[in-house]
Protein backbone atom coordinates (compact mmCIF):
# COMPACT_ATOMS: atom_id res chain seq x y z
CA MET A 1 0.00 0.00 0.00
CA ALA A 2 2.83 2.40 0.87
CA ALA A 3 4.53 1.67 -2.45
CA MET A 4 1.30 2.32 -4.34
CA LEU A 5 0.79 5.64 -2.56
CA CYS A 6 4.36 6.70 -3.34
CA ALA A 7 3.89 5.78 -7.00
CA ALA A 8 0.63 7.72 -7.15
CA GLY A 9 2.29 10.74 -5.57
CA ALA A 10 5.17 10.65 -8.01
CA SER A 11 2.76 10.35 -10.91
CA ALA A 12 0.77 13.36 -9.70
CA GLN A 13 3.93 15.46 -9.74
CA GLU A 14 4.75 14.62 -13.36
CA PRO A 15 3.63 17.20 -15.92
CA ALA A 16 0.51 16.25 -17.82
CA LYS A 17 1.11 14.97 -21.32
CA ILE A 18 -0.91 17.35 -23.45
CA PHE A 19 -2.15 16.18 -26.82
CA ASP A 20 -0.28 18.10 -29.52
CA PRO A 21 -2.03 18.08 -32.92
CA SER A 22 0.96 19.78 -34.56
CA LYS A 23 2.93 16.53 -34.22
CA LEU A 24 0.35 14.56 -36.20
CA LYS A 25 0.51 15.86 -39.76
CA GLY A 26 -1.23 14.25 -42.70
CA PRO A 27 -2.41 12.96 -45.02
CA ALA A 28 0.27 10.38 -45.76
CA LYS A 29 -0.22 10.80 -49.51
CA GLY A 30 -0.89 13.83 -51.66
CA SER A 31 0.39 17.39 -51.72
CA PRO A 32 0.52 19.21 -48.38
CA SER A 33 -1.77 22.16 -47.71
CA GLU A 34 0.64 25.09 -47.39
CA VAL A 35 -0.05 28.41 -45.68
CA LEU A 36 2.17 31.46 -45.99
CA VAL A 37 1.36 34.18 -43.45
CA LEU A 38 2.78 37.44 -44.79
CA GLY A 39 3.07 40.11 -42.12
CA THR A 40 2.58 43.53 -43.66
CA PRO A 41 2.58 47.13 -42.54
CA HIS A 42 -0.68 48.92 -43.15
CA LEU A 43 0.47 50.63 -46.32
CA ALA A 44 -1.85 53.61 -46.02
CA ASP A 45 -0.05 54.55 -42.79
CA LEU A 46 3.46 54.53 -44.26
CA PRO A 47 5.28 57.84 -44.77
CA ALA A 48 5.05 59.73 -48.04
CA THR A 49 8.39 58.30 -49.15
CA PHE A 50 6.59 55.03 -49.91
CA GLN A 51 5.51 54.63 -53.52
CA ALA A 52 3.15 51.89 -54.69
CA ALA A 53 5.45 51.13 -57.63
CA SER A 54 8.05 49.95 -55.13
CA LEU A 55 5.89 46.87 -54.43
CA GLN A 56 6.86 45.34 -57.77
CA ALA A 57 9.52 43.00 -56.34
CA LEU A 58 7.21 41.77 -53.58
CA HIS A 59 4.42 41.27 -56.09
CA ALA A 60 6.72 39.22 -58.35
CA ARG A 61 7.78 36.93 -55.53
CA LEU A 62 4.22 36.31 -54.35
CA LEU A 63 3.08 35.72 -57.92
CA ALA A 64 5.86 33.15 -58.40
CA TRP A 65 4.71 31.26 -55.29
CA LYS A 66 1.30 30.80 -57.00
CA PRO A 67 -1.21 30.66 -54.16
CA ARG A 68 -4.67 29.41 -55.08
CA ILE A 69 -6.33 31.13 -52.12
CA ILE A 70 -5.72 34.63 -50.77
CA ALA A 71 -7.05 35.58 -47.33
CA ILE A 72 -6.96 39.19 -46.16
CA GLU A 73 -7.42 41.18 -42.97
CA GLU A 74 -10.95 42.27 -43.76
CA ARG A 75 -14.28 41.30 -42.27
CA SER A 76 -16.52 39.12 -44.39
CA GLY A 77 -19.86 40.47 -45.45
CA THR A 78 -21.59 37.70 -43.52
CA GLN A 79 -19.78 38.59 -40.29
CA CYS A 80 -20.72 42.23 -40.61
CA ALA A 81 -24.33 41.26 -41.32
CA PHE A 82 -24.27 39.21 -38.12
CA MET A 83 -22.78 42.08 -36.11
CA ARG A 84 -25.44 44.47 -37.37
CA GLN A 85 -28.04 42.28 -35.65
CA PHE A 86 -26.52 43.18 -32.27
CA PRO A 87 -26.01 46.96 -32.27
CA GLN A 88 -25.80 47.08 -28.48
CA ARG A 89 -22.62 45.00 -28.74
CA TYR A 90 -21.10 45.92 -32.07
CA ALA A 91 -22.36 49.32 -33.24
CA GLN A 92 -18.93 50.96 -32.97
CA SER A 93 -17.13 48.04 -34.57
CA VAL A 94 -19.59 47.98 -37.49
CA GLN A 95 -19.12 51.69 -38.04
CA ARG A 96 -15.34 51.44 -37.90
CA TYR A 97 -14.64 48.17 -39.70
CA CYS A 98 -17.57 47.10 -41.88
CA TRP A 99 -18.35 47.88 -45.49
CA ASP A 100 -21.78 49.43 -46.13
CA PRO A 101 -23.56 47.30 -48.76
CA ALA A 102 -26.69 49.49 -48.88
CA PRO A 103 -25.91 51.27 -52.20
CA ALA A 104 -25.23 47.93 -53.87
CA GLN A 105 -28.41 46.45 -52.41
CA THR A 106 -30.34 49.35 -53.95
CA ALA A 107 -28.71 48.71 -57.32
CA THR A 108 -29.06 44.91 -57.34
CA GLY A 109 -32.06 44.26 -55.13
CA LEU A 110 -29.96 41.80 -53.10
CA ASP A 111 -29.29 41.95 -49.38
CA VAL A 112 -26.18 40.31 -47.90
CA PRO A 113 -27.66 36.79 -47.47
CA ALA A 114 -29.20 36.80 -50.96
CA ALA A 115 -26.04 38.20 -52.54
CA THR A 116 -23.88 35.64 -50.74
CA ALA A 117 -26.08 32.83 -52.05
CA GLU A 118 -25.92 34.34 -55.54
CA ILE A 119 -22.11 34.41 -55.42
CA ASP A 120 -22.05 30.71 -54.55
CA ARG A 121 -24.46 29.94 -57.36
CA LEU A 122 -22.55 31.95 -59.95
CA LEU A 123 -19.10 30.62 -59.07
CA ALA A 124 -20.33 27.02 -59.00
CA ALA A 125 -21.08 27.31 -62.72
CA TRP A 126 -18.49 29.96 -63.63
CA PRO A 127 -17.18 29.55 -67.19
CA ALA A 128 -13.51 29.32 -68.00
CA VAL A 129 -13.79 32.49 -70.10
CA PRO A 130 -16.62 34.62 -68.70
CA ALA A 131 -18.05 37.50 -70.65
CA ALA A 132 -17.40 41.05 -69.50
CA SER A 133 -21.09 41.35 -68.64
CA GLN A 134 -20.75 38.39 -66.28
CA ARG A 135 -17.79 39.99 -64.51
CA ARG A 136 -19.62 43.30 -64.11
CA HIS A 137 -22.61 41.45 -62.66
CA LEU A 138 -20.43 39.44 -60.27
CA ALA A 139 -18.67 42.63 -59.14
CA ALA A 140 -22.06 44.16 -58.32
CA VAL A 141 -23.11 41.08 -56.38
CA PHE A 142 -19.83 41.04 -54.42
CA LEU A 143 -20.50 44.66 -53.42
CA ALA A 144 -24.03 43.76 -52.32
CA ALA A 145 -22.60 40.87 -50.27
CA GLY A 146 -20.25 43.23 -48.45
CA GLU A 147 -17.15 41.87 -50.22
CA PRO A 148 -15.59 44.97 -51.85
CA VAL A 149 -12.08 43.57 -52.38
CA SER A 150 -13.47 40.61 -54.32
CA ALA A 151 -15.52 43.08 -56.36
CA LEU A 152 -12.28 44.90 -57.11
CA VAL A 153 -10.72 41.62 -58.28
CA GLN A 154 -13.49 41.30 -60.87
CA TRP A 155 -13.05 44.94 -61.87
CA LEU A 156 -9.32 44.43 -62.42
CA ARG A 157 -9.95 41.34 -64.53
CA LEU A 158 -11.96 43.43 -66.98
CA ALA A 159 -10.29 45.17 -69.88
CA ASN A 160 -10.16 48.92 -69.37
CA ALA A 161 -12.80 49.48 -72.03
CA GLU A 162 -15.18 47.12 -70.20
CA ARG A 163 -14.99 48.97 -66.89
CA HIS A 164 -18.28 50.78 -67.11
CA ALA A 165 -21.82 50.69 -65.78
CA GLY A 166 -24.20 47.88 -66.64
CA ASN A 167 -25.24 44.41 -65.51
CA GLY A 168 -26.03 45.58 -61.99
CA LEU A 169 -23.35 48.26 -61.76
CA ASN A 170 -24.78 51.78 -61.74
CA ALA A 171 -22.75 54.99 -61.82
CA THR A 172 -22.49 55.03 -58.03
CA LEU A 173 -21.02 51.54 -57.89
CA VAL A 174 -18.63 52.24 -60.77
CA ALA A 175 -17.35 55.26 -58.85
CA THR A 176 -16.99 53.04 -55.78
CA LEU A 177 -14.92 50.49 -57.69
CA GLU A 178 -12.68 53.19 -59.11
CA LYS A 179 -12.16 54.57 -55.60
CA LEU A 180 -11.24 51.08 -54.41
CA HIS A 181 -8.88 50.72 -57.36
CA ASN A 182 -7.09 53.90 -56.32
CA GLY A 183 -6.86 52.87 -52.67
CA GLN A 184 -3.56 53.01 -50.82
CA GLY A 185 -3.99 49.98 -48.55
CA GLU A 186 -2.60 46.49 -48.95
CA ASP A 187 -5.94 45.19 -50.26
CA ALA A 188 -5.87 47.51 -53.27
CA LEU A 189 -2.10 47.47 -53.80
CA ILE A 190 -1.27 43.82 -53.08
CA ALA A 191 -4.20 41.42 -52.60
CA ALA A 192 -6.58 42.38 -55.40
CA PRO A 193 -3.92 42.90 -58.13
CA LEU A 194 -2.24 39.64 -57.14
CA ALA A 195 -5.53 37.71 -57.25
CA ALA A 196 -6.33 39.17 -60.66
CA ALA A 197 -2.86 38.34 -62.01
CA LEU A 198 -3.18 34.76 -60.73
CA GLY A 199 -6.56 34.31 -62.42
CA LEU A 200 -8.44 34.02 -59.13
CA GLU A 201 -12.06 35.15 -58.91
CA ARG A 202 -12.05 36.43 -55.34
CA VAL A 203 -10.23 36.89 -52.06
CA TYR A 204 -11.47 35.90 -48.58
CA GLY A 205 -11.94 38.24 -45.64
CA MET A 206 -10.74 36.35 -42.56
CA ASP A 207 -10.58 39.08 -39.89
CA ASP A 208 -12.85 38.85 -36.86
CA HIS A 209 -14.18 41.51 -34.52
CA THR A 210 -16.85 39.56 -32.68
CA ALA A 211 -14.73 39.64 -29.51
CA ASP A 212 -14.74 43.44 -29.45
CA ALA A 213 -17.66 43.73 -27.05
CA GLY A 214 -16.01 41.68 -24.33
CA SER A 215 -12.40 42.85 -24.43
CA VAL A 216 -12.86 46.54 -23.57
CA PRO A 217 -14.50 47.66 -20.30
CA ASP A 218 -17.80 49.52 -20.47
CA THR A 219 -16.68 52.04 -17.86
CA ASP A 220 -13.57 54.00 -16.99
CA MET A 221 -12.27 54.10 -20.56
CA LYS A 222 -9.86 56.89 -19.64
CA ALA A 223 -8.16 54.70 -17.02
CA TYR A 224 -8.14 51.75 -19.43
CA GLY A 225 -6.44 53.76 -22.16
CA ALA A 226 -3.91 55.23 -19.74
CA ALA A 227 -2.95 51.79 -18.42
CA ILE A 228 -2.45 50.34 -21.89
CA MET A 229 -0.46 53.33 -23.13
CA LYS A 230 1.78 53.24 -20.05
CA ALA A 231 2.52 49.55 -20.63
CA TRP A 232 3.52 50.26 -24.22
CA GLU A 233 6.32 52.58 -23.09
CA ASN A 234 9.11 50.05 -22.76
CA PRO A 235 12.53 49.25 -24.28
CA ALA A 236 11.10 46.83 -26.87
CA SER A 237 8.73 49.51 -28.16
CA ALA A 238 11.64 51.95 -28.39
CA GLU A 239 13.64 49.38 -30.36
CA ILE A 240 10.75 48.83 -32.79
CA ARG A 241 10.33 52.57 -33.32
CA GLN A 242 14.04 53.00 -34.03
CA THR A 243 14.13 50.02 -36.42
CA ASN A 244 11.04 51.24 -38.25
CA LYS A 245 12.55 54.70 -38.61
CA HIS A 246 15.52 53.26 -40.48
CA LEU A 247 13.37 50.95 -42.60
CA HIS A 248 10.89 53.68 -43.51
CA ALA A 249 13.71 55.87 -44.75
CA ARG A 250 14.34 53.34 -47.55
CA LEU A 251 10.83 52.97 -48.95
CA ALA A 252 11.37 54.88 -52.17
CA ASP A 253 12.58 51.80 -54.07
CA ALA A 254 11.70 48.13 -54.39
CA GLU A 255 14.69 46.86 -52.40
CA GLY A 256 13.80 49.12 -49.49
CA VAL A 257 10.26 47.73 -49.48
CA MET A 258 11.62 44.18 -49.57
CA ALA A 259 13.91 45.02 -46.62
CA LEU A 260 10.86 46.19 -44.68
CA TYR A 261 8.93 42.98 -45.40
CA ARG A 262 11.90 40.81 -44.54
CA ALA A 263 12.29 42.60 -41.21
CA LEU A 264 8.60 42.34 -40.33
CA ASN A 265 8.59 38.62 -41.15
CA ALA A 266 11.89 37.70 -39.52
CA PRO A 267 11.56 35.07 -36.75
CA ALA A 268 13.09 37.34 -34.09
CA ARG A 269 10.42 39.98 -34.68
CA ALA A 270 7.72 37.89 -32.97
CA LYS A 271 9.28 38.03 -29.49
CA LEU A 272 10.06 41.72 -29.89
CA VAL A 273 6.41 42.44 -30.70
CA TYR A 274 5.32 40.38 -27.70
CA ASP A 275 7.70 42.23 -25.35
CA SER A 276 6.59 45.57 -26.75
CA ASP A 277 2.85 44.97 -26.69
CA PHE A 278 1.07 41.89 -25.40
CA GLY A 279 3.60 40.72 -22.82
CA ALA A 280 3.95 44.23 -21.46
CA VAL A 281 0.19 44.80 -21.32
CA LEU A 282 -0.44 41.39 -19.74
CA ASN A 283 1.72 42.46 -16.81
CA GLU A 284 0.53 46.05 -16.43
CA GLY A 285 -0.29 46.88 -12.82
CA SER A 286 -3.75 48.45 -12.78
CA ALA A 287 -6.08 47.33 -10.00
CA GLN A 288 -8.71 46.54 -12.65
CA GLN A 289 -6.26 44.29 -14.55
CA PHE A 290 -7.15 46.00 -17.81
CA GLY A 291 -4.29 44.32 -19.62
CA ARG A 292 -5.64 40.84 -19.14
CA GLY A 293 -8.88 41.77 -20.91
CA TYR A 294 -6.89 43.38 -23.72
CA VAL A 295 -4.82 40.23 -24.21
CA ALA A 296 -7.91 38.01 -24.06
CA GLY A 297 -9.52 40.02 -26.86
CA TRP A 298 -6.33 39.81 -28.93
CA GLU A 299 -6.05 36.06 -28.50
CA VAL A 300 -9.71 35.44 -29.31
CA ARG A 301 -9.47 37.57 -32.42
CA ASN A 302 -6.44 35.66 -33.67
CA LEU A 303 -7.99 32.29 -32.87
CA ARG A 304 -11.10 33.18 -34.85
CA MET A 305 -8.99 34.53 -37.69
CA ALA A 306 -7.06 31.26 -37.72
CA SER A 307 -10.28 29.25 -37.87
CA ASN A 308 -11.49 31.35 -40.80
CA ILE A 309 -8.22 30.73 -42.63
CA ARG A 310 -8.41 27.02 -41.89
CA GLU A 311 -11.97 26.88 -43.18
CA VAL A 312 -11.11 28.41 -46.53
CA SER A 313 -7.83 26.48 -46.91
CA GLY A 314 -9.81 23.27 -46.46
CA THR A 315 -11.94 24.00 -49.53
CA VAL A 316 -9.01 23.19 -51.82
CA PRO A 317 -6.93 20.45 -50.10
CA GLY A 318 -3.28 20.39 -51.04
CA SER A 319 -3.28 23.98 -52.26
CA ARG A 320 -1.33 27.07 -51.26
CA THR A 321 -2.99 29.77 -49.17
CA LEU A 322 -1.51 33.25 -48.84
CA VAL A 323 -2.59 35.22 -45.77
CA ILE A 324 -1.92 38.97 -45.91
CA VAL A 325 -2.24 40.40 -42.42
CA GLY A 326 -0.94 43.13 -40.14
CA ALA A 327 2.51 42.10 -38.94
CA ALA A 328 1.57 41.87 -35.25
CA HIS A 329 -0.85 39.02 -36.05
CA LYS A 330 1.66 36.99 -38.03
CA ALA A 331 3.33 34.85 -35.35
CA TYR A 332 0.06 34.18 -33.55
CA LEU A 333 -1.63 32.95 -36.71
CA GLU A 334 1.35 30.76 -37.58
CA ALA A 335 1.35 29.23 -34.10
CA TYR A 336 -2.39 28.54 -34.12
CA LEU A 337 -2.50 27.27 -37.70
CA ASN A 338 0.45 24.99 -37.06
CA GLN A 339 -1.77 23.02 -34.68
CA MET A 340 -3.87 21.90 -37.66
CA HIS A 341 -3.22 18.41 -39.01
CA ASP A 342 -3.42 19.40 -42.69
CA VAL A 343 -1.53 22.71 -42.60
CA ARG A 344 2.18 23.21 -43.30
CA ILE A 345 3.44 26.68 -42.43
CA VAL A 346 5.74 28.13 -45.10
CA ALA A 347 8.52 30.35 -43.76
CA PRO A 348 8.25 33.74 -45.50
CA ASP A 349 11.99 33.94 -46.05
CA GLN A 350 11.62 31.14 -48.61
CA VAL A 351 9.52 33.53 -50.69
CA LEU A 352 10.96 36.92 -49.74
CA ARG A 353 14.66 36.15 -50.23
C-alpha cells in the first residue's frame, strides 16, 4: 500500500502529457496544404516616401509562389451582417470596420444573405472564359454581399474598355470600384492585383471583430487607455520605433520595401512584438487588470482569424494559401494554424529572399 501511494504521488507530480495536434501531420499521400502568413505594414499609414510602384519585387515573388487562395485582414460580409443584428454589442465596430452594402443592395435588389447565395451559385457554374457582362454582374453582387475587395478583383480582370456601368453596376457603384482601385492599402495594392494576375475570382476576408464587445471595459475608458499606453512605453517599443525609422527611410525603391517585409517577417520579430505589446500589457499593474482583458480580446481575435483561414484552406486540399495580415498578427496565426493536421506553415523567407 505504501509503495502504491508513493507511486501515485510521483505520478501526480509529473507534468501532464498534453495532446499536440501539430505533431500529427497528414495525409500520408498527396500534396501538403501550405499556408504562408505574410506580415505587412498597413500601407496607407506609411510615410510619403513610400511609392506603390516599389511593391513590384514583392508582387513578383508572391506571384511566383502561386497561391490558389488569398485571405486578407478584412471582415466578411456575412460577419458584418451578423454584427449588425446586435447593435448594443457591435455598433462601434460595425461603423469602424464594416463595409456598407446598402448602395449595392439598392442597385441589385440583393441583401447580404441573398447576394452571398448568388455568389455561390454563380461561381459554382463559372465559365472558364466569362463575358465582361458576367464579370460586371459578379462585381455588383460582391458589393451587395459586403465583399468589396473581391468586387475589385473582378473589376481588375476586366479590360479597361469594359470597366463601365451595366449588368447591376450603376454609376455610383462604378465610382466606388474606381475609388477602391485607387486605394492606398494592402488590399488595393497587393491582394486584389495579385488575385487578378493569378486568375483568381475572389479573395477571402478572414478578420474577426466579434470579440470586441467583451475585451474593452464599459466604464472607466480613460483609465483603461492610460494603463495600456503606459505599458507600451518600454525598451522593446523603443527598439521597434528605431528600427522602423531606419526601414521607412528606404521605402522609395523596391529593395527598401523588400527590406521592410523581410524585417517584419523575420523570426526574431515575434518576441520583440510580444515584449513591446502583449507581454507588457499582460503584466501592467492596474487594479482593474485592464491588460488581461486586452490580451484576451487579442487572442480570441487571432484564434477566430485562424479558424477562418483554416476553413477556406480546407476548400481546396493540397493547395497554397496566402494570408496577408498586419505584422503583429503573423506569429500568432502561424502558431495557431500549425496546430492543424493538414496545414504546413511556409517560412516567408523562402519567398521573400
